[in-house]
């Protein structure tokens, strides 16, 4: 999932834009985190980020449109550097958003967005990436959570 700022990609890509102007696109491929990041950069964006519920709803809707059988894991720009530790008391557990647009992504995330399907490994020595996993739709919208 890519964050594209205010410039939508080609019409063939699935895209959703917020009223504030941020656009997200979904691209389906079985690739590594680094390859997904590179593909988003080639499209003029970065891996997607979520700073609040409006972006989350937009991103969940976009990914639900992709109609990939659940569960499905989508790369977003959520990463923990090797020098950062796991912090169980924080919503993102010590992970942070990789930079977008002007080089900075939102770092403060509301507690409600700290939904992990599986707690990340406790570590202070290894760089780790996390994605957004969509589970089967329980009827009241997609079930989602972060997964290392």
Protein backbone atom coordinates (compact mmCIF):
# COMPACT_ATOMS: atom_id res chain seq x y z
CA UNK A 1 0.00 0.00 0.00
CA UNK A 2 1.50 3.32 -1.07
CA UNK A 3 0.95 6.87 0.19
CA UNK A 4 1.08 9.15 -2.83
CA UNK A 5 0.65 12.63 -1.46
CA UNK A 6 -1.64 14.59 -3.75
CA UNK A 7 -0.71 12.97 -7.06
CA UNK A 8 -2.81 9.94 -8.05
CA UNK A 9 -1.00 7.22 -10.04
CA UNK A 10 -2.12 5.77 -13.36
CA UNK A 11 -5.84 5.05 -13.76
CA UNK A 12 -5.14 1.29 -13.71
CA UNK A 13 -4.20 1.36 -10.00
CA UNK A 14 -6.76 1.17 -7.20
CA UNK A 15 -6.63 4.60 -5.55
CA UNK A 16 -8.46 6.43 -2.75
CA UNK A 17 -7.86 10.04 -1.72
CA UNK A 18 -8.87 11.80 1.48
CA UNK A 19 -10.56 15.22 1.51
CA UNK A 20 -7.27 16.56 2.91
CA UNK A 21 -5.57 15.44 -0.30
CA UNK A 22 -3.54 12.40 0.76
CA UNK A 23 -3.89 9.54 -1.71
CA UNK A 24 -3.29 5.84 -1.16
CA UNK A 25 -2.93 3.13 -3.79
CA UNK A 26 -2.93 -0.66 -3.55
CA UNK A 27 -0.59 -2.83 -5.59
CA UNK A 28 -0.76 -6.60 -5.37
CA UNK A 29 2.49 -8.52 -5.59
CA UNK A 30 4.28 -11.09 -3.48
CA UNK A 31 7.38 -9.00 -2.69
CA UNK A 32 9.63 -8.14 0.25
CA UNK A 33 9.30 -4.97 2.33
CA UNK A 34 12.29 -3.43 0.52
CA UNK A 35 10.82 -4.24 -2.90
CA UNK A 36 7.44 -2.78 -1.90
CA UNK A 37 9.14 0.41 -0.63
CA UNK A 38 11.09 0.70 -3.89
CA UNK A 39 7.91 0.20 -5.97
CA UNK A 40 6.11 2.97 -4.05
CA UNK A 41 9.07 5.32 -4.56
CA UNK A 42 9.01 4.57 -8.30
CA UNK A 43 5.35 5.68 -8.25
CA UNK A 44 6.33 8.97 -6.59
CA UNK A 45 5.22 8.01 -3.07
CA UNK A 46 6.21 5.96 -0.06
CA UNK A 47 4.83 3.00 1.82
CA UNK A 48 1.50 3.94 3.39
CA UNK A 49 1.21 5.38 6.91
CA UNK A 50 -1.71 5.81 9.26
CA UNK A 51 -1.88 8.76 11.65
CA UNK A 52 -5.50 8.42 12.67
CA UNK A 53 -8.84 6.80 12.03
CA UNK A 54 -9.63 8.74 8.82
CA UNK A 55 -6.52 7.39 7.08
CA UNK A 56 -7.15 3.92 8.49
CA UNK A 57 -10.73 3.83 7.15
CA UNK A 58 -9.53 5.07 3.77
CA UNK A 59 -6.76 2.45 3.62
CA UNK A 60 -8.99 -0.40 4.84
CA UNK A 61 -11.61 0.47 2.22
CA UNK A 62 -9.01 0.54 -0.52
CA UNK A 63 -7.52 -2.79 0.51
CA UNK A 64 -10.96 -4.40 0.85
CA UNK A 65 -11.58 -3.41 -2.79
CA UNK A 66 -8.52 -5.41 -3.80
CA UNK A 67 -10.64 -8.52 -3.11
CA UNK A 68 -7.72 -10.67 -2.03
CA UNK A 69 -8.81 -13.73 -0.02
CA UNK A 70 -8.36 -13.13 3.71
CA UNK A 71 -6.15 -13.21 5.56
CA UNK A 72 -3.90 -10.96 3.50
CA UNK A 73 -0.85 -8.99 4.64
CA UNK A 74 -0.07 -5.61 3.03
CA UNK A 75 3.21 -3.79 3.49
CA UNK A 76 2.94 -0.33 4.99
CA UNK A 77 5.75 1.97 6.13
CA UNK A 78 5.88 0.55 9.67
CA UNK A 79 9.42 -0.30 10.74
CA UNK A 80 11.50 -0.68 13.90
CA UNK A 81 15.20 0.09 13.50
CA UNK A 82 17.81 -2.20 15.02
CA UNK A 83 18.66 0.39 17.67
CA UNK A 84 15.01 0.75 18.78
CA UNK A 85 13.47 -1.55 21.37
CA UNK A 86 10.05 -3.14 21.57
CA UNK A 87 7.82 -1.07 23.87
CA UNK A 88 4.71 -3.01 24.81
CA UNK A 89 3.07 0.08 26.38
CA UNK A 90 3.11 2.04 23.08
CA UNK A 91 0.44 1.59 20.36
CA UNK A 92 3.09 0.90 17.70
CA UNK A 93 5.28 -1.10 20.13
CA UNK A 94 8.42 0.90 19.25
CA UNK A 95 7.81 0.79 15.50
CA UNK A 96 7.50 4.09 13.65
CA UNK A 97 6.38 5.31 10.25
CA UNK A 98 9.01 5.76 7.58
CA UNK A 99 9.15 9.29 6.17
CA UNK A 100 6.62 10.54 3.65
CA UNK A 101 6.49 13.63 1.41
CA UNK A 102 8.58 16.17 3.38
CA UNK A 103 10.67 13.45 5.03
CA UNK A 104 8.61 13.07 8.18
CA UNK A 105 5.66 10.82 8.81
CA UNK A 106 3.24 11.05 11.72
CA UNK A 107 4.88 9.52 14.79
CA UNK A 108 2.04 9.95 17.28
CA UNK A 109 -0.63 7.33 16.84
CA UNK A 110 -3.88 7.19 18.82
CA UNK A 111 -4.09 4.21 21.19
CA UNK A 112 -7.10 2.90 19.23
CA UNK A 113 -4.80 2.24 16.27
CA UNK A 114 -2.48 0.05 18.34
CA UNK A 115 -4.20 -3.17 17.27
CA UNK A 116 -1.70 -6.00 16.88
CA UNK A 117 -2.89 -9.40 15.66
CA UNK A 118 0.27 -10.85 17.11
CA UNK A 119 2.62 -9.06 19.47
CA UNK A 120 5.98 -8.28 17.85
CA UNK A 121 9.10 -10.04 19.06
CA UNK A 122 10.78 -8.34 22.01
CA UNK A 123 14.13 -7.09 20.79
CA UNK A 124 16.52 -4.14 20.72
CA UNK A 125 18.96 -5.64 18.24
CA UNK A 126 17.14 -6.47 15.01
CA UNK A 127 15.44 -4.22 12.46
CA UNK A 128 11.88 -5.41 11.86
CA UNK A 129 9.03 -4.50 9.52
CA UNK A 130 5.29 -4.76 10.08
CA UNK A 131 2.35 -4.91 7.75
CA UNK A 132 -1.39 -4.41 7.89
CA UNK A 133 -3.26 -7.71 7.88
CA UNK A 134 -6.88 -7.98 6.88
CA UNK A 135 -8.77 -10.96 8.24
CA UNK A 136 -12.14 -12.26 7.10
CA UNK A 137 -14.96 -9.69 7.16
CA UNK A 138 -17.04 -10.40 10.30
CA UNK A 139 -19.96 -8.38 8.90
CA UNK A 140 -19.21 -5.01 10.51
CA UNK A 141 -16.27 -4.11 8.32
CA UNK A 142 -12.86 -5.66 7.78
CA UNK A 143 -11.03 -7.07 10.76
CA UNK A 144 -7.52 -5.69 10.77
CA UNK A 145 -4.34 -5.46 12.79
CA UNK A 146 -0.60 -4.90 12.54
CA UNK A 147 1.61 -7.95 12.15
CA UNK A 148 5.39 -8.13 12.30
